[in-house]
């Protein structure tokens, strides 16, 4: 414990960097668990691996982002009698991030968050990452008290396409801004920041061994995209003794004594398969 206290506010400077980070359009948000801290180098070197990691060590990218609208984060003041106004706090900051495209699956998944506390990192078009300082060699996301879908327009109108935004509510905007940290990526982080999609393994036909891989939300057929990659047993399937992709009809032939089950995204990533996870109710 200190024997004496200091005001703290006098320990500051007002100069500008010779080459400051000039925030550009944010293109991706990366949600992380509340207690996650990431090594500076690891964020770039292992971004895709962390997206496919087993929970709770997984990160969750959202994007691409098309627009940004903040509200709040303003100084709140009060005064006594004829004395001068003094700052008491900062108002709640809510940032609304509009997506380039409406996505039914993302909307459904965001609804599950409700008031769950998570952290958020931001990646701009120049691959600069914005987050909160942890140590000289680690970074963490800004802590959010709640995350939810907003400005949702589910259907097209005569003048607008379906659209949606993601709203982030800062837990403590003053702490977030005072401890901000920026990192410059050397690779295309925006391109790599793609979240996982839930998929179902659906039996088709009458032979009992033909299957398709379809998105859980929207039912888009992904078999032609992943078919050749999934046509192996080791490192891909649990309980499947033989697998073959039939390009002619876009199906997978799976020999299994039980319901075919994909291995975890982390295991699939090791096998060179990215972006999917079998649906869990």
C-alpha atoms as a PDB file:
ATOM      1  CA  UNK A   1       0.000   0.000   0.000  1.00  0.00           C
ATOM      2  CA  UNK A   2       1.134   3.545  -0.751  1.00  0.00           C
ATOM      3  CA  UNK A   3       1.787   5.749   2.274  1.00  0.00           C
ATOM      4  CA  UNK A   4       0.781   8.799   0.279  1.00  0.00           C
ATOM      5  CA  UNK A   5      -1.683   9.314  -2.524  1.00  0.00           C
ATOM      6  CA  UNK A   6      -1.384  11.362  -5.689  1.00  0.00           C
ATOM      7  CA  UNK A   7      -4.091  13.002  -7.766  1.00  0.00           C
ATOM      8  CA  UNK A   8      -3.251  10.972 -10.852  1.00  0.00           C
ATOM      9  CA  UNK A   9      -4.767  13.482 -13.242  1.00  0.00           C
ATOM     10  CA  UNK A  10      -1.477  15.412 -13.364  1.00  0.00           C
ATOM     11  CA  UNK A  11       0.340  12.439 -14.938  1.00  0.00           C
ATOM     12  CA  UNK A  12      -0.482  13.145 -18.569  1.00  0.00           C
ATOM     13  CA  UNK A  13       0.867  14.685 -21.776  1.00  0.00           C
ATOM     14  CA  UNK A  14      -0.792  16.404 -24.731  1.00  0.00           C
ATOM     15  CA  UNK A  15       1.585  15.809 -27.644  1.00  0.00           C
ATOM     16  CA  UNK A  16       0.615  13.873 -30.783  1.00  0.00           C
ATOM     17  CA  UNK A  17       2.429  10.943 -32.355  1.00  0.00           C
ATOM     18  CA  UNK A  18       4.636  11.711 -35.360  1.00  0.00           C
ATOM     19  CA  UNK A  19       2.651   9.011 -37.181  1.00  0.00           C
ATOM     20  CA  UNK A  20      -0.580   8.305 -35.280  1.00  0.00           C
ATOM     21  CA  UNK A  21      -3.006   5.494 -35.893  1.00  0.00           C
ATOM     22  CA  UNK A  22      -5.787   7.229 -37.799  1.00  0.00           C
ATOM     23  CA  UNK A  23      -8.848   5.025 -37.252  1.00  0.00           C
ATOM     24  CA  UNK A  24     -10.323   3.954 -40.568  1.00  0.00           C
ATOM     25  CA  UNK A  25     -13.556   2.117 -41.335  1.00  0.00           C
ATOM     26  CA  UNK A  26     -13.972  -0.843 -38.997  1.00  0.00           C
ATOM     27  CA  UNK A  27     -14.658  -3.963 -41.061  1.00  0.00           C
ATOM     28  CA  UNK A  28     -14.795  -6.698 -38.398  1.00  0.00           C
ATOM     29  CA  UNK A  29     -15.647  -7.138 -34.730  1.00  0.00           C
ATOM     30  CA  UNK A  30     -14.071  -9.986 -32.779  1.00  0.00           C
ATOM     31  CA  UNK A  31     -15.944 -11.079 -29.658  1.00  0.00           C
ATOM     32  CA  UNK A  32     -14.013 -12.935 -26.956  1.00  0.00           C
ATOM     33  CA  UNK A  33     -14.882 -14.435 -23.559  1.00  0.00           C
ATOM     34  CA  UNK A  34     -14.684 -11.960 -20.687  1.00  0.00           C
ATOM     35  CA  UNK A  35     -11.559 -13.508 -19.146  1.00  0.00           C
ATOM     36  CA  UNK A  36      -9.610 -13.943 -22.405  1.00  0.00           C
ATOM     37  CA  UNK A  37      -6.249 -12.233 -22.814  1.00  0.00           C
ATOM     38  CA  UNK A  38      -4.398 -12.590 -26.132  1.00  0.00           C
ATOM     39  CA  UNK A  39      -0.686 -12.289 -26.867  1.00  0.00           C
ATOM     40  CA  UNK A  40       0.003  -9.503 -29.353  1.00  0.00           C
ATOM     41  CA  UNK A  41       1.712 -11.780 -31.891  1.00  0.00           C
ATOM     42  CA  UNK A  42      -0.748 -14.612 -31.338  1.00  0.00           C
ATOM     43  CA  UNK A  43      -3.696 -12.552 -32.520  1.00  0.00           C
ATOM     44  CA  UNK A  44      -2.224 -12.396 -36.013  1.00  0.00           C
ATOM     45  CA  UNK A  45      -0.388 -15.703 -36.171  1.00  0.00           C
ATOM     46  CA  UNK A  46      -3.199 -17.845 -34.748  1.00  0.00           C
ATOM     47  CA  UNK A  47      -6.348 -15.892 -35.629  1.00  0.00           C
ATOM     48  CA  UNK A  48      -7.996 -18.682 -37.649  1.00  0.00           C
ATOM     49  CA  UNK A  49      -6.916 -21.319 -35.137  1.00  0.00           C
ATOM     50  CA  UNK A  50      -8.544 -19.326 -32.326  1.00  0.00           C
ATOM     51  CA  UNK A  51     -11.761 -18.983 -34.353  1.00  0.00           C
ATOM     52  CA  UNK A  52     -11.929 -22.802 -34.568  1.00  0.00           C
ATOM     53  CA  UNK A  53     -10.731 -23.500 -31.005  1.00  0.00           C
ATOM     54  CA  UNK A  54     -12.737 -25.514 -28.495  1.00  0.00           C
ATOM     55  CA  UNK A  55     -14.875 -23.434 -26.154  1.00  0.00           C
ATOM     56  CA  UNK A  56     -14.183 -21.494 -23.947  1.00  0.00           C
ATOM     57  CA  UNK A  57     -10.981 -20.616 -25.820  1.00  0.00           C
ATOM     58  CA  UNK A  58     -12.805 -19.594 -28.996  1.00  0.00           C
ATOM     59  CA  UNK A  59     -13.145 -16.121 -30.499  1.00  0.00           C
ATOM     60  CA  UNK A  60     -16.141 -14.999 -32.573  1.00  0.00           C
ATOM     61  CA  UNK A  61     -15.678 -12.638 -35.553  1.00  0.00           C
ATOM     62  CA  UNK A  62     -18.629 -10.639 -36.896  1.00  0.00           C
ATOM     63  CA  UNK A  63     -18.599  -8.837 -40.238  1.00  0.00           C
ATOM     64  CA  UNK A  64     -18.220  -7.360 -42.713  1.00  0.00           C
ATOM     65  CA  UNK A  65     -19.307  -4.051 -41.173  1.00  0.00           C
ATOM     66  CA  UNK A  66     -20.868  -1.346 -43.366  1.00  0.00           C
ATOM     67  CA  UNK A  67     -21.698   1.494 -40.941  1.00  0.00           C
ATOM     68  CA  UNK A  68     -21.013   2.764 -37.444  1.00  0.00           C
ATOM     69  CA  UNK A  69     -23.268   4.854 -35.184  1.00  0.00           C
ATOM     70  CA  UNK A  70     -22.246   5.617 -31.574  1.00  0.00           C
ATOM     71  CA  UNK A  71     -24.435   7.177 -28.924  1.00  0.00           C
ATOM     72  CA  UNK A  72     -23.474   8.274 -25.425  1.00  0.00           C
ATOM     73  CA  UNK A  73     -19.975   8.295 -23.946  1.00  0.00           C
ATOM     74  CA  UNK A  74     -20.350  11.951 -23.040  1.00  0.00           C
ATOM     75  CA  UNK A  75     -19.169  13.686 -19.887  1.00  0.00           C
ATOM     76  CA  UNK A  76     -21.846  14.128 -17.215  1.00  0.00           C
ATOM     77  CA  UNK A  77     -21.574  17.202 -15.000  1.00  0.00           C
ATOM     78  CA  UNK A  78     -23.170  18.626 -11.898  1.00  0.00           C
ATOM     79  CA  UNK A  79     -22.800  21.793  -9.857  1.00  0.00           C
ATOM     80  CA  UNK A  80     -23.526  22.983  -6.372  1.00  0.00           C
ATOM     81  CA  UNK A  81     -25.182  26.383  -6.089  1.00  0.00           C
ATOM     82  CA  UNK A  82     -23.159  29.022  -7.903  1.00  0.00           C
ATOM     83  CA  UNK A  83     -20.012  26.864  -7.955  1.00  0.00           C
ATOM     84  CA  UNK A  84     -18.505  25.649 -11.250  1.00  0.00           C
ATOM     85  CA  UNK A  85     -19.673  22.450 -12.938  1.00  0.00           C
ATOM     86  CA  UNK A  86     -17.637  19.318 -12.231  1.00  0.00           C
ATOM     87  CA  UNK A  87     -17.472  16.058 -14.176  1.00  0.00           C
ATOM     88  CA  UNK A  88     -19.197  13.234 -12.296  1.00  0.00           C
ATOM     89  CA  UNK A  89     -18.974  10.399 -14.853  1.00  0.00           C
ATOM     90  CA  UNK A  90     -19.405   9.505 -18.501  1.00  0.00           C
ATOM     91  CA  UNK A  91     -22.737   8.440 -19.948  1.00  0.00           C
ATOM     92  CA  UNK A  92     -23.309   4.905 -21.160  1.00  0.00           C
ATOM     93  CA  UNK A  93     -21.769   4.274 -24.584  1.00  0.00           C
ATOM     94  CA  UNK A  94     -23.704   2.178 -27.101  1.00  0.00           C
ATOM     95  CA  UNK A  95     -22.191   1.492 -30.517  1.00  0.00           C
ATOM     96  CA  UNK A  96     -24.413   0.215 -33.337  1.00  0.00           C
ATOM     97  CA  UNK A  97     -22.523  -1.611 -36.095  1.00  0.00           C
ATOM     98  CA  UNK A  98     -24.557  -2.192 -39.267  1.00  0.00           C
ATOM     99  CA  UNK A  99     -23.642  -5.292 -41.268  1.00  0.00           C
ATOM    100  CA  UNK A 100     -23.209  -5.300 -45.030  1.00  0.00           C
ATOM    101  CA  UNK A 101     -25.803  -8.069 -45.282  1.00  0.00           C
ATOM    102  CA  UNK A 102     -28.708  -9.323 -43.204  1.00  0.00           C
ATOM    103  CA  UNK A 103     -28.002 -12.824 -41.896  1.00  0.00           C
ATOM    104  CA  UNK A 104     -30.734 -14.957 -40.377  1.00  0.00           C
ATOM    105  CA  UNK A 105     -28.297 -17.300 -38.635  1.00  0.00           C
ATOM    106  CA  UNK A 106     -26.269 -14.492 -37.073  1.00  0.00           C
ATOM    107  CA  UNK A 107     -29.466 -12.825 -35.847  1.00  0.00           C
ATOM    108  CA  UNK A 108     -30.564 -16.048 -34.151  1.00  0.00           C
ATOM    109  CA  UNK A 109     -27.163 -16.568 -32.533  1.00  0.00           C
ATOM    110  CA  UNK A 110     -26.911 -12.993 -31.247  1.00  0.00           C
ATOM    111  CA  UNK A 111     -30.302 -13.423 -29.601  1.00  0.00           C
ATOM    112  CA  UNK A 112     -28.699 -16.120 -27.431  1.00  0.00           C
ATOM    113  CA  UNK A 113     -26.214 -13.669 -25.942  1.00  0.00           C
ATOM    114  CA  UNK A 114     -28.825 -11.450 -24.272  1.00  0.00           C
ATOM    115  CA  UNK A 115     -26.957  -9.844 -21.347  1.00  0.00           C
ATOM    116  CA  UNK A 116     -23.876 -12.066 -21.431  1.00  0.00           C
ATOM    117  CA  UNK A 117     -20.681 -10.107 -20.792  1.00  0.00           C
ATOM    118  CA  UNK A 118     -18.055 -10.457 -23.512  1.00  0.00           C
ATOM    119  CA  UNK A 119     -15.153  -8.428 -24.810  1.00  0.00           C
ATOM    120  CA  UNK A 120     -14.833  -6.886 -28.271  1.00  0.00           C
ATOM    121  CA  UNK A 121     -11.830  -6.144 -30.468  1.00  0.00           C
ATOM    122  CA  UNK A 122     -12.184  -4.091 -33.648  1.00  0.00           C
ATOM    123  CA  UNK A 123     -10.290  -4.496 -36.939  1.00  0.00           C
ATOM    124  CA  UNK A 124     -10.277  -1.656 -39.458  1.00  0.00           C
ATOM    125  CA  UNK A 125      -9.755  -1.802 -43.240  1.00  0.00           C
ATOM    126  CA  UNK A 126      -5.995  -1.272 -42.774  1.00  0.00           C
ATOM    127  CA  UNK A 127      -5.760  -4.308 -40.463  1.00  0.00           C
ATOM    128  CA  UNK A 128      -5.248  -2.202 -37.350  1.00  0.00           C
ATOM    129  CA  UNK A 129      -6.626  -3.929 -34.246  1.00  0.00           C
ATOM    130  CA  UNK A 130      -8.162  -1.804 -31.484  1.00  0.00           C
ATOM    131  CA  UNK A 131      -8.568  -3.181 -27.978  1.00  0.00           C
ATOM    132  CA  UNK A 132      -7.734  -2.638 -24.343  1.00  0.00           C
ATOM    133  CA  UNK A 133      -4.259  -2.714 -22.789  1.00  0.00           C
ATOM    134  CA  UNK A 134      -3.478  -5.717 -20.601  1.00  0.00           C
ATOM    135  CA  UNK A 135       0.338  -5.820 -20.516  1.00  0.00           C
ATOM    136  CA  UNK A 136       3.092  -4.642 -22.858  1.00  0.00           C
ATOM    137  CA  UNK A 137       2.811  -7.957 -24.724  1.00  0.00           C
ATOM    138  CA  UNK A 138      -0.886  -8.790 -24.401  1.00  0.00           C
ATOM    139  CA  UNK A 139      -4.196  -7.282 -25.443  1.00  0.00           C
ATOM    140  CA  UNK A 140      -7.840  -7.853 -24.533  1.00  0.00           C
ATOM    141  CA  UNK A 141     -11.111  -6.641 -25.936  1.00  0.00           C
ATOM    142  CA  UNK A 142     -13.152  -3.787 -24.498  1.00  0.00           C
ATOM    143  CA  UNK A 143     -15.561  -5.212 -21.915  1.00  0.00           C
ATOM    144  CA  UNK A 144     -19.225  -5.104 -22.955  1.00  0.00           C
ATOM    145  CA  UNK A 145     -22.115  -5.361 -20.501  1.00  0.00           C
ATOM    146  CA  UNK A 146     -24.485  -6.537 -23.249  1.00  0.00           C
ATOM    147  CA  UNK A 147     -24.527  -7.366 -26.950  1.00  0.00           C
ATOM    148  CA  UNK A 148     -27.685  -7.599 -29.003  1.00  0.00           C
ATOM    149  CA  UNK A 149     -29.071  -7.288 -32.555  1.00  0.00           C
ATOM    150  CA  UNK A 150     -30.640  -3.921 -33.334  1.00  0.00           C
ATOM    151  CA  UNK A 151     -32.255  -2.008 -36.194  1.00  0.00           C
ATOM    152  CA  UNK A 152     -33.401  -5.321 -37.591  1.00  0.00           C
ATOM    153  CA  UNK A 153     -35.343  -5.141 -40.851  1.00  0.00           C
ATOM    154  CA  UNK A 154     -36.083  -8.751 -41.699  1.00  0.00           C
ATOM    155  CA  UNK A 155     -37.613  -8.267 -45.143  1.00  0.00           C
ATOM    156  CA  UNK A 156     -36.985  -6.176 -48.232  1.00  0.00           C
ATOM    157  CA  UNK A 157     -39.093  -3.072 -48.857  1.00  0.00           C
ATOM    158  CA  UNK A 158     -39.581  -1.069 -52.047  1.00  0.00           C
ATOM    159  CA  UNK A 159     -36.543   1.022 -51.163  1.00  0.00           C
ATOM    160  CA  UNK A 160     -34.353  -1.066 -48.853  1.00  0.00           C
ATOM    161  CA  UNK A 161     -32.966  -4.556 -48.547  1.00  0.00           C
ATOM    162  CA  UNK A 162     -33.246  -6.530 -45.315  1.00  0.00           C
ATOM    163  CA  UNK A 163     -30.681  -5.262 -42.829  1.00  0.00           C
ATOM    164  CA  UNK A 164     -29.460  -5.563 -39.249  1.00  0.00           C
ATOM    165  CA  UNK A 165     -26.978  -4.083 -36.817  1.00  0.00           C
ATOM    166  CA  UNK A 166     -25.128  -5.330 -33.751  1.00  0.00           C
ATOM    167  CA  UNK A 167     -25.250  -3.081 -30.683  1.00  0.00           C
ATOM    168  CA  UNK A 168     -22.444  -3.157 -28.130  1.00  0.00           C
ATOM    169  CA  UNK A 169     -22.935  -1.588 -24.677  1.00  0.00           C
ATOM    170  CA  UNK A 170     -19.673  -0.683 -22.933  1.00  0.00           C
ATOM    171  CA  UNK A 171     -19.330  -1.770 -19.319  1.00  0.00           C
ATOM    172  CA  UNK A 172     -17.078   1.195 -18.420  1.00  0.00           C
ATOM    173  CA  UNK A 173     -16.358   3.597 -21.280  1.00  0.00           C
ATOM    174  CA  UNK A 174     -13.947   5.715 -19.206  1.00  0.00           C
ATOM    175  CA  UNK A 175     -11.755   2.715 -18.400  1.00  0.00           C
ATOM    176  CA  UNK A 176     -11.974   1.444 -21.995  1.00  0.00           C
ATOM    177  CA  UNK A 177     -10.798   4.722 -23.516  1.00  0.00           C
ATOM    178  CA  UNK A 178      -8.068   5.328 -20.938  1.00  0.00           C
ATOM    179  CA  UNK A 179      -6.582   1.859 -21.483  1.00  0.00           C
ATOM    180  CA  UNK A 180      -6.951   1.631 -25.270  1.00  0.00           C
ATOM    181  CA  UNK A 181      -4.304  -0.233 -27.274  1.00  0.00           C
ATOM    182  CA  UNK A 182      -3.727  -0.493 -31.034  1.00  0.00           C
ATOM    183  CA  UNK A 183      -1.764  -3.067 -33.041  1.00  0.00           C
ATOM    184  CA  UNK A 184      -0.850  -3.024 -36.723  1.00  0.00           C
ATOM    185  CA  UNK A 185      -1.385  -6.338 -38.497  1.00  0.00           C
ATOM    186  CA  UNK A 186       0.965  -7.396 -41.304  1.00  0.00           C
ATOM    187  CA  UNK A 187      -1.494  -9.815 -42.927  1.00  0.00           C
ATOM    188  CA  UNK A 188      -5.100  -9.489 -44.071  1.00  0.00           C
ATOM    189  CA  UNK A 189      -6.869  -9.953 -40.736  1.00  0.00           C
ATOM    190  CA  UNK A 190     -10.210  -8.813 -42.149  1.00  0.00           C
ATOM    191  CA  UNK A 191     -10.148 -11.634 -44.703  1.00  0.00           C
ATOM    192  CA  UNK A 192      -9.350 -14.212 -42.003  1.00  0.00           C
ATOM    193  CA  UNK A 193     -11.916 -12.909 -39.491  1.00  0.00           C
ATOM    194  CA  UNK A 194     -14.808 -15.154 -40.476  1.00  0.00           C
ATOM    195  CA  UNK A 195     -16.949 -16.913 -37.873  1.00  0.00           C
ATOM    196  CA  UNK A 196     -18.207 -20.484 -37.914  1.00  0.00           C
ATOM    197  CA  UNK A 197     -21.535 -21.568 -39.400  1.00  0.00           C
ATOM    198  CA  UNK A 198     -23.783 -24.230 -37.865  1.00  0.00           C
ATOM    199  CA  UNK A 199     -24.427 -27.148 -40.234  1.00  0.00           C
ATOM    200  CA  UNK A 200     -26.618 -30.263 -40.227  1.00  0.00           C
ATOM    201  CA  UNK A 201     -25.700 -33.639 -41.690  1.00  0.00           C
ATOM    202  CA  UNK A 202     -28.889 -34.642 -43.509  1.00  0.00           C
ATOM    203  CA  UNK A 203     -29.701 -38.077 -44.914  1.00  0.00           C
ATOM    204  CA  UNK A 204     -31.034 -38.019 -48.482  1.00  0.00           C
ATOM    205  CA  UNK A 205     -32.238 -40.654 -50.942  1.00  0.00           C
ATOM    206  CA  UNK A 206     -33.274 -44.189 -50.144  1.00  0.00           C
ATOM    207  CA  UNK A 207     -29.982 -46.103 -50.043  1.00  0.00           C
ATOM    208  CA  UNK A 208     -29.388 -45.228 -46.377  1.00  0.00           C
ATOM    209  CA  UNK A 209     -25.827 -43.962 -46.859  1.00  0.00           C
ATOM    210  CA  UNK A 210     -26.224 -40.715 -48.836  1.00  0.00           C
ATOM    211  CA  UNK A 211     -25.917 -37.413 -46.966  1.00  0.00           C
ATOM    212  CA  UNK A 212     -25.726 -33.704 -47.559  1.00  0.00           C
ATOM    213  CA  UNK A 213     -24.119 -30.947 -45.482  1.00  0.00           C
ATOM    214  CA  UNK A 214     -26.517 -27.996 -45.186  1.00  0.00           C
ATOM    215  CA  UNK A 215     -26.519 -24.800 -43.160  1.00  0.00           C
ATOM    216  CA  UNK A 216     -28.746 -25.086 -40.085  1.00  0.00           C
ATOM    217  CA  UNK A 217     -30.179 -21.608 -40.671  1.00  0.00           C
ATOM    218  CA  UNK A 218     -31.343 -21.031 -44.230  1.00  0.00           C
ATOM    219  CA  UNK A 219     -30.710 -24.651 -45.331  1.00  0.00           C
ATOM    220  CA  UNK A 220     -28.104 -23.684 -47.923  1.00  0.00           C
ATOM    221  CA  UNK A 221     -26.474 -26.771 -49.442  1.00  0.00           C
ATOM    222  CA  UNK A 222     -22.734 -26.749 -48.693  1.00  0.00           C
ATOM    223  CA  UNK A 223     -21.980 -30.252 -49.910  1.00  0.00           C
ATOM    224  CA  UNK A 224     -20.355 -29.135 -53.148  1.00  0.00           C
ATOM    225  CA  UNK A 225     -18.172 -26.697 -51.178  1.00  0.00           C
ATOM    226  CA  UNK A 226     -16.947 -29.180 -48.576  1.00  0.00           C
ATOM    227  CA  UNK A 227     -17.619 -32.536 -50.238  1.00  0.00           C
ATOM    228  CA  UNK A 228     -14.096 -33.443 -51.355  1.00  0.00           C
ATOM    229  CA  UNK A 229     -12.635 -32.236 -48.046  1.00  0.00           C
ATOM    230  CA  UNK A 230     -15.105 -34.332 -46.025  1.00  0.00           C
ATOM    231  CA  UNK A 231     -14.524 -37.467 -48.115  1.00  0.00           C
ATOM    232  CA  UNK A 232     -12.139 -39.012 -45.618  1.00  0.00           C
ATOM    233  CA  UNK A 233     -12.549 -40.611 -42.227  1.00  0.00           C
ATOM    234  CA  UNK A 234      -9.439 -39.753 -40.240  1.00  0.00           C
ATOM    235  CA  UNK A 235      -9.598 -36.365 -38.548  1.00  0.00           C
ATOM    236  CA  UNK A 236     -13.077 -35.574 -39.901  1.00  0.00           C
ATOM    237  CA  UNK A 237     -15.777 -38.003 -38.751  1.00  0.00           C
ATOM    238  CA  UNK A 238     -16.639 -39.919 -35.595  1.00  0.00           C
ATOM    239  CA  UNK A 239     -17.975 -43.423 -36.167  1.00  0.00           C
ATOM    240  CA  UNK A 240     -17.606 -43.340 -39.960  1.00  0.00           C
ATOM    241  CA  UNK A 241     -15.600 -46.206 -41.478  1.00  0.00           C
ATOM    242  CA  UNK A 242     -15.744 -45.028 -45.104  1.00  0.00           C
ATOM    243  CA  UNK A 243     -16.492 -41.722 -46.841  1.00  0.00           C
ATOM    244  CA  UNK A 244     -16.795 -40.772 -50.492  1.00  0.00           C
ATOM    245  CA  UNK A 245     -17.901 -37.630 -52.324  1.00  0.00           C
ATOM    246  CA  UNK A 246     -20.181 -38.118 -55.328  1.00  0.00           C
ATOM    247  CA  UNK A 247     -19.719 -35.064 -57.557  1.00  0.00           C
ATOM    248  CA  UNK A 248     -22.419 -36.191 -59.999  1.00  0.00           C
ATOM    249  CA  UNK A 249     -25.272 -35.679 -57.542  1.00  0.00           C
ATOM    250  CA  UNK A 250     -23.501 -33.613 -54.879  1.00  0.00           C
ATOM    251  CA  UNK A 251     -23.808 -36.104 -52.030  1.00  0.00           C
ATOM    252  CA  UNK A 252     -21.557 -37.804 -49.520  1.00  0.00           C
ATOM    253  CA  UNK A 253     -21.625 -41.589 -49.140  1.00  0.00           C
ATOM    254  CA  UNK A 254     -20.925 -42.389 -45.493  1.00  0.00           C
ATOM    255  CA  UNK A 255     -20.631 -45.862 -44.026  1.00  0.00           C
ATOM    256  CA  UNK A 256     -21.508 -45.653 -40.350  1.00  0.00           C
ATOM    257  CA  UNK A 257     -23.058 -47.781 -37.645  1.00  0.00           C
ATOM    258  CA  UNK A 258     -24.656 -44.682 -36.107  1.00  0.00           C
ATOM    259  CA  UNK A 259     -25.540 -41.113 -37.069  1.00  0.00           C
ATOM    260  CA  UNK A 260     -22.491 -39.568 -38.798  1.00  0.00           C
ATOM    261  CA  UNK A 261     -20.943 -36.900 -36.580  1.00  0.00           C
ATOM    262  CA  UNK A 262     -18.352 -34.320 -37.523  1.00  0.00           C
ATOM    263  CA  UNK A 263     -15.401 -33.884 -35.199  1.00  0.00           C
ATOM    264  CA  UNK A 264     -14.871 -30.569 -33.427  1.00  0.00           C
ATOM    265  CA  UNK A 265     -13.985 -27.436 -35.422  1.00  0.00           C
ATOM    266  CA  UNK A 266     -10.475 -27.564 -33.903  1.00  0.00           C
ATOM    267  CA  UNK A 267      -9.978 -31.076 -35.298  1.00  0.00           C
ATOM    268  CA  UNK A 268     -11.532 -30.138 -38.636  1.00  0.00           C
ATOM    269  CA  UNK A 269      -9.214 -27.123 -38.861  1.00  0.00           C
ATOM    270  CA  UNK A 270      -6.224 -29.418 -38.419  1.00  0.00           C
ATOM    271  CA  UNK A 271      -7.603 -31.464 -41.332  1.00  0.00           C
ATOM    272  CA  UNK A 272      -7.829 -28.324 -43.486  1.00  0.00           C
ATOM    273  CA  UNK A 273     -11.593 -27.794 -43.107  1.00  0.00           C
ATOM    274  CA  UNK A 274     -12.616 -24.298 -42.028  1.00  0.00           C
ATOM    275  CA  UNK A 275     -15.797 -22.438 -41.163  1.00  0.00           C
ATOM    276  CA  UNK A 276     -18.293 -25.086 -40.001  1.00  0.00           C
ATOM    277  CA  UNK A 277     -19.504 -26.787 -36.824  1.00  0.00           C
ATOM    278  CA  UNK A 278     -22.174 -29.476 -36.564  1.00  0.00           C
ATOM    279  CA  UNK A 279     -25.335 -28.154 -34.930  1.00  0.00           C
ATOM    280  CA  UNK A 280     -25.797 -28.773 -31.211  1.00  0.00           C
ATOM    281  CA  UNK A 281     -29.224 -28.064 -29.777  1.00  0.00           C
END
